C-alpha atoms as a PDB file:
ATOM      1  CA  MET A   1       0.029  -0.156  -0.044  1.00  0.00           C
ATOM      2  CA  GLU A   2       1.399   3.335  -1.015  1.00  0.00           C
ATOM      3  CA  SER A   3       2.036   5.929   1.917  1.00  0.00           C
ATOM      4  CA  PHE A   4       0.349   9.360   2.347  1.00  0.00           C
ATOM      5  CA  ASN A   5       3.828  10.893   1.139  1.00  0.00           C
ATOM      6  CA  GLU A   6       3.773   8.802  -1.996  1.00  0.00           C
ATOM      7  CA  ARG A   7       0.470   9.941  -2.875  1.00  0.00           C
ATOM      8  CA  ILE A   8       0.351  13.524  -2.538  1.00  0.00           C
ATOM      9  CA  GLY A   9       3.852  14.688  -2.105  1.00  0.00           C
ATOM     10  CA  GLU A  10       5.841  15.375   1.049  1.00  0.00           C
ATOM     11  CA  MET A  11       5.978  18.670   3.017  1.00  0.00           C
ATOM     12  CA  GLU A  12       7.969  18.721   6.109  1.00  0.00           C
ATOM     13  CA  VAL A  13       6.105  19.207   9.351  1.00  0.00           C
ATOM     14  CA  LEU A  14       7.891  22.588  10.203  1.00  0.00           C
ATOM     15  CA  GLU A  15       8.051  23.959   6.788  1.00  0.00           C
ATOM     16  CA  GLY A  16       4.274  23.607   6.777  1.00  0.00           C
ATOM     17  CA  ILE A  17       3.789  25.393  10.078  1.00  0.00           C
ATOM     18  CA  TYR A  18       6.249  28.305   8.807  1.00  0.00           C
ATOM     19  CA  THR A  19       4.619  28.704   5.298  1.00  0.00           C
ATOM     20  CA  ARG A  20       1.137  28.212   6.092  1.00  0.00           C
ATOM     21  CA  ARG A  21      -1.136  31.369   5.572  1.00  0.00           C
ATOM     22  CA  SER A  22      -4.696  32.383   5.926  1.00  0.00           C
ATOM     23  CA  ILE A  23      -5.900  32.313   2.488  1.00  0.00           C
ATOM     24  CA  ARG A  24      -9.271  34.485   1.646  1.00  0.00           C
ATOM     25  CA  ASP A  25      -9.109  34.611  -2.031  1.00  0.00           C
ATOM     26  CA  PHE A  26      -9.922  31.543  -4.188  1.00  0.00           C
ATOM     27  CA  THR A  27     -10.100  30.553  -7.909  1.00  0.00           C
ATOM     28  CA  GLN A  28     -13.334  28.696  -9.132  1.00  0.00           C
ATOM     29  CA  GLN A  29     -11.591  25.570  -9.259  1.00  0.00           C
ATOM     30  CA  ALA A  30     -13.273  22.759  -7.859  1.00  0.00           C
ATOM     31  CA  VAL A  31     -11.688  20.883  -4.924  1.00  0.00           C
ATOM     32  CA  GLU A  32     -11.473  17.297  -5.086  1.00  0.00           C
ATOM     33  CA  GLY A  33     -13.854  15.129  -2.825  1.00  0.00           C
ATOM     34  CA  THR A  34     -10.779  13.063  -1.654  1.00  0.00           C
ATOM     35  CA  HIS A  35      -8.976  16.101  -0.450  1.00  0.00           C
ATOM     36  CA  VAL A  36     -11.717  17.373   1.339  1.00  0.00           C
ATOM     37  CA  LEU A  37     -11.931  13.790   3.183  1.00  0.00           C
ATOM     38  CA  GLU A  38      -8.245  13.942   3.695  1.00  0.00           C
ATOM     39  CA  ILE A  39      -8.281  17.253   5.407  1.00  0.00           C
ATOM     40  CA  ILE A  40     -11.402  16.051   7.707  1.00  0.00           C
ATOM     41  CA  LYS A  41      -9.488  13.019   8.335  1.00  0.00           C
ATOM     42  CA  ALA A  42      -6.200  15.052   9.478  1.00  0.00           C
ATOM     43  CA  GLY A  43      -8.631  17.241  11.681  1.00  0.00           C
ATOM     44  CA  SER A  44     -10.089  13.986  13.294  1.00  0.00           C
ATOM     45  CA  ARG A  45      -6.500  12.845  14.002  1.00  0.00           C
ATOM     46  CA  ALA A  46      -5.946  15.753  16.429  1.00  0.00           C
ATOM     47  CA  PRO A  47      -5.459  14.843  19.946  1.00  0.00           C
ATOM     48  CA  SER A  48      -8.430  15.154  22.479  1.00  0.00           C
ATOM     49  CA  GLY A  49      -8.783  14.327  26.121  1.00  0.00           C
ATOM     50  CA  LEU A  50      -9.704  10.548  26.800  1.00  0.00           C
ATOM     51  CA  ASN A  51      -9.488  10.395  23.155  1.00  0.00           C
ATOM     52  CA  ASN A  52     -12.984  11.445  23.146  1.00  0.00           C
ATOM     53  CA  GLN A  53     -12.935  13.298  19.806  1.00  0.00           C
ATOM     54  CA  PRO A  54     -15.615  15.886  20.225  1.00  0.00           C
ATOM     55  CA  TRP A  55     -15.426  17.344  16.607  1.00  0.00           C
ATOM     56  CA  ARG A  56     -18.257  17.087  14.165  1.00  0.00           C
ATOM     57  CA  PHE A  57     -18.119  18.174  10.449  1.00  0.00           C
ATOM     58  CA  VAL A  58     -20.442  19.516   7.766  1.00  0.00           C
ATOM     59  CA  VAL A  59     -19.225  20.106   4.350  1.00  0.00           C
ATOM     60  CA  VAL A  60     -20.883  22.877   2.216  1.00  0.00           C
ATOM     61  CA  ARG A  61     -20.333  22.608  -1.323  1.00  0.00           C
ATOM     62  CA  GLY A  62     -23.354  23.973  -2.873  1.00  0.00           C
ATOM     63  CA  LYS A  63     -23.318  27.415  -4.021  1.00  0.00           C
ATOM     64  CA  ALA A  64     -27.094  27.966  -2.738  1.00  0.00           C
ATOM     65  CA  MET A  65     -26.159  26.686   0.646  1.00  0.00           C
ATOM     66  CA  ARG A  66     -22.844  28.732   0.851  1.00  0.00           C
ATOM     67  CA  GLY A  67     -24.763  31.839   0.121  1.00  0.00           C
ATOM     68  CA  GLU A  68     -27.073  31.045   2.937  1.00  0.00           C
ATOM     69  CA  LEU A  69     -24.236  30.561   5.140  1.00  0.00           C
ATOM     70  CA  ALA A  70     -22.354  33.683   3.665  1.00  0.00           C
ATOM     71  CA  LYS A  71     -25.477  35.973   5.005  1.00  0.00           C
ATOM     72  CA  LEU A  72     -24.775  34.824   8.679  1.00  0.00           C
ATOM     73  CA  THR A  73     -20.971  36.730   8.495  1.00  0.00           C
ATOM     74  CA  ARG A  74     -19.503  40.148   7.592  1.00  0.00           C
ATOM     75  CA  TYR A  75     -16.851  38.038   5.479  1.00  0.00           C
ATOM     76  CA  SER A  76     -19.539  36.792   3.211  1.00  0.00           C
ATOM     77  CA  ARG A  77     -17.431  37.372   0.107  1.00  0.00           C
ATOM     78  CA  ILE A  78     -15.023  34.592   1.406  1.00  0.00           C
ATOM     79  CA  LEU A  79     -17.669  32.055   1.717  1.00  0.00           C
ATOM     80  CA  VAL A  80     -19.228  32.865  -1.422  1.00  0.00           C
ATOM     81  CA  GLU A  81     -15.924  32.595  -3.310  1.00  0.00           C
ATOM     82  CA  ALA A  82     -14.545  29.385  -1.763  1.00  0.00           C
ATOM     83  CA  PRO A  83     -15.753  26.447  -3.507  1.00  0.00           C
ATOM     84  CA  VAL A  84     -15.873  24.279  -0.202  1.00  0.00           C
ATOM     85  CA  ALA A  85     -16.798  25.406   3.419  1.00  0.00           C
ATOM     86  CA  ILE A  86     -16.363  22.932   6.383  1.00  0.00           C
ATOM     87  CA  ALA A  87     -18.288  23.854   9.432  1.00  0.00           C
ATOM     88  CA  VAL A  88     -16.725  22.513  12.611  1.00  0.00           C
ATOM     89  CA  PHE A  89     -18.935  21.717  15.550  1.00  0.00           C
ATOM     90  CA  ILE A  90     -18.334  20.311  19.154  1.00  0.00           C
ATOM     91  CA  ASP A  91     -20.460  17.564  20.335  1.00  0.00           C
ATOM     92  CA  HIS A  92     -21.629  18.490  23.963  1.00  0.00           C
ATOM     93  CA  THR A  93     -22.671  14.831  24.502  1.00  0.00           C
ATOM     94  CA  VAL A  94     -19.220  13.747  24.463  1.00  0.00           C
ATOM     95  CA  MET A  95     -17.470  16.618  26.015  1.00  0.00           C
ATOM     96  CA  TYR A  96     -15.735  15.844  29.729  1.00  0.00           C
ATOM     97  CA  HIS A  97     -13.712  19.331  30.479  1.00  0.00           C
ATOM     98  CA  ASP A  98     -14.815  22.294  28.683  1.00  0.00           C
ATOM     99  CA  VAL A  99     -10.796  23.877  28.363  1.00  0.00           C
ATOM    100  CA  LYS A 100      -9.491  20.478  27.191  1.00  0.00           C
ATOM    101  CA  ASP A 101     -12.518  19.966  24.476  1.00  0.00           C
ATOM    102  CA  TYR A 102     -12.213  23.535  23.208  1.00  0.00           C
ATOM    103  CA  GLN A 103      -8.500  22.926  22.852  1.00  0.00           C
ATOM    104  CA  ALA A 104      -8.974  19.913  21.126  1.00  0.00           C
ATOM    105  CA  ILE A 105     -11.037  21.712  18.617  1.00  0.00           C
ATOM    106  CA  GLY A 106      -8.217  24.293  18.140  1.00  0.00           C
ATOM    107  CA  ALA A 107      -5.892  21.476  17.566  1.00  0.00           C
ATOM    108  CA  CYS A 108      -8.441  19.907  15.025  1.00  0.00           C
ATOM    109  CA  LEU A 109      -8.715  23.055  13.039  1.00  0.00           C
ATOM    110  CA  GLN A 110      -5.019  23.717  13.105  1.00  0.00           C
ATOM    111  CA  ASN A 111      -4.694  20.044  11.485  1.00  0.00           C
ATOM    112  CA  MET A 112      -7.201  21.077   8.907  1.00  0.00           C
ATOM    113  CA  LEU A 113      -5.498  24.110   7.829  1.00  0.00           C
ATOM    114  CA  LEU A 114      -1.990  22.245   7.714  1.00  0.00           C
ATOM    115  CA  ALA A 115      -3.394  19.558   5.725  1.00  0.00           C
ATOM    116  CA  ALA A 116      -5.095  22.101   3.056  1.00  0.00           C
ATOM    117  CA  HIS A 117      -1.623  23.644   2.889  1.00  0.00           C
ATOM    118  CA  SER A 118      -0.098  20.318   2.227  1.00  0.00           C
ATOM    119  CA  LEU A 119      -2.267  19.611  -0.581  1.00  0.00           C
ATOM    120  CA  ASP A 120      -1.691  23.055  -2.064  1.00  0.00           C
ATOM    121  CA  LEU A 121      -4.929  24.462  -1.097  1.00  0.00           C
ATOM    122  CA  GLY A 122      -5.909  27.585   0.790  1.00  0.00           C
ATOM    123  CA  ALA A 123      -7.913  27.695   3.746  1.00  0.00           C
ATOM    124  CA  VAL A 124      -9.196  30.248   6.384  1.00  0.00           C
ATOM    125  CA  TRP A 125     -10.821  29.638   9.701  1.00  0.00           C
ATOM    126  CA  LEU A 126     -13.595  31.990  10.241  1.00  0.00           C
ATOM    127  CA  GLY A 127     -14.499  32.840  13.564  1.00  0.00           C
ATOM    128  CA  GLU A 128     -16.587  35.927  13.305  1.00  0.00           C
ATOM    129  CA  ILE A 129     -19.474  33.817  12.129  1.00  0.00           C
ATOM    130  CA  LEU A 130     -19.850  32.310  15.551  1.00  0.00           C
ATOM    131  CA  LYS A 131     -22.196  35.164  16.714  1.00  0.00           C
ATOM    132  CA  ASN A 132     -24.824  33.444  14.589  1.00  0.00           C
ATOM    133  CA  ALA A 133     -23.842  29.698  15.758  1.00  0.00           C
ATOM    134  CA  SER A 134     -27.759  29.115  16.512  1.00  0.00           C
ATOM    135  CA  GLU A 135     -28.824  30.008  13.228  1.00  0.00           C
ATOM    136  CA  ILE A 136     -26.335  27.877  11.481  1.00  0.00           C
ATOM    137  CA  ARG A 137     -27.387  24.836  13.485  1.00  0.00           C
ATOM    138  CA  VAL A 138     -30.964  25.482  12.308  1.00  0.00           C
ATOM    139  CA  LEU A 139     -29.721  26.364   8.952  1.00  0.00           C
ATOM    140  CA  PHE A 140     -28.068  22.927   8.841  1.00  0.00           C
ATOM    141  CA  ASP A 141     -30.974  21.155  10.830  1.00  0.00           C
ATOM    142  CA  LEU A 142     -28.711  20.047  13.599  1.00  0.00           C
ATOM    143  CA  PRO A 143     -29.418  18.816  17.166  1.00  0.00           C
ATOM    144  CA  ASP A 144     -28.788  21.429  20.225  1.00  0.00           C
ATOM    145  CA  ASN A 145     -25.977  19.334  21.585  1.00  0.00           C
ATOM    146  CA  LEU A 146     -23.812  20.692  18.646  1.00  0.00           C
ATOM    147  CA  GLU A 147     -22.032  24.041  18.912  1.00  0.00           C
ATOM    148  CA  LEU A 148     -20.387  25.636  16.005  1.00  0.00           C
ATOM    149  CA  MET A 149     -16.808  26.296  16.586  1.00  0.00           C
ATOM    150  CA  ALA A 150     -15.567  27.570  13.229  1.00  0.00           C
ATOM    151  CA  VAL A 151     -16.466  27.446   9.415  1.00  0.00           C
ATOM    152  CA  VAL A 152     -13.088  26.829   7.227  1.00  0.00           C
ATOM    153  CA  ALA A 153     -13.306  28.330   3.824  1.00  0.00           C
ATOM    154  CA  LEU A 154     -11.499  26.137   1.419  1.00  0.00           C
ATOM    155  CA  GLY A 155      -9.967  26.192  -2.312  1.00  0.00           C
ATOM    156  CA  HIS A 156      -7.379  26.780  -4.410  1.00  0.00           C
ATOM    157  CA  PRO A 157      -5.417  30.049  -3.697  1.00  0.00           C
ATOM    158  CA  ALA A 158      -5.932  32.827  -6.072  1.00  0.00           C
ATOM    159  CA  LYS A 159      -2.473  33.884  -5.119  1.00  0.00           C
ATOM    160  CA  THR A 160       0.272  32.283  -3.255  1.00  0.00           C
ATOM    161  CA  GLY A 161       3.621  33.463  -1.447  1.00  0.00           C
ATOM    162  CA  GLN A 162       2.156  35.714   1.053  1.00  0.00           C
ATOM    163  CA  GLU A 163       3.812  36.610   4.169  1.00  0.00           C
ATOM    164  CA  SER A 164       2.869  37.893   7.444  1.00  0.00           C
ATOM    165  CA  GLY A 165       5.107  39.141  10.320  1.00  0.00           C
ATOM    166  CA  ARG A 166       5.623  37.371  13.542  1.00  0.00           C
ATOM    167  CA  ARG A 167       6.839  38.730  16.769  1.00  0.00           C
ATOM    168  CA  GLU A 168      10.584  37.625  17.896  1.00  0.00           C
ATOM    169  CA  ILE A 169      10.686  34.729  20.117  1.00  0.00           C
ATOM    170  CA  SER A 170      12.253  36.940  22.703  1.00  0.00           C
ATOM    171  CA  GLU A 171       8.873  39.009  23.045  1.00  0.00           C
ATOM    172  CA  LEU A 172       6.988  36.035  23.539  1.00  0.00           C
ATOM    173  CA  LEU A 173       9.128  33.996  25.751  1.00  0.00           C
ATOM    174  CA  LEU A 174       8.347  35.104  29.564  1.00  0.00           C
ATOM    175  CA  LYS A 175      10.783  32.812  31.524  1.00  0.00           C
ATOM    176  CA  GLU A 176      13.082  30.194  30.969  1.00  0.00           C
ATOM    177  CA  PHE A 177      14.175  27.954  34.084  1.00  0.00           C
END
């Protein structure tokens, strides 16, 4: 059986972390279903306390549904232009510790962003949309035990090579013993 690296190419982990950027402009080229599933699989491999895996996903490919979703954020342009949106929910029925479970969702989202980058796709994690989390749950006809954590807009980047500044480690490191 061929390995992951043989199937889609190899990107060193640190290179991926250092070169990943939030992409907000996409081409209209379709995203392969296998890539969407690979991104969700990467998210599902994040660490979680007691291995409770509290994440749940809704994939939105249809233009009409992405349009409805876009109405619920001031960043509507991103969702209208992105060929795919993945809504990430936390399932309260499997949670056991709020902080740990919310941290697990953050790790899940980061895994998804890194997986998209490794597949030469662009993605951005939208959080402002959380102000309408209840409306989104209703839009998707989901039960109350699911709480929206983010929406990931996904597609082929319209431009690449963006850079963003980062603080020096000396500004961030408080103490070292």
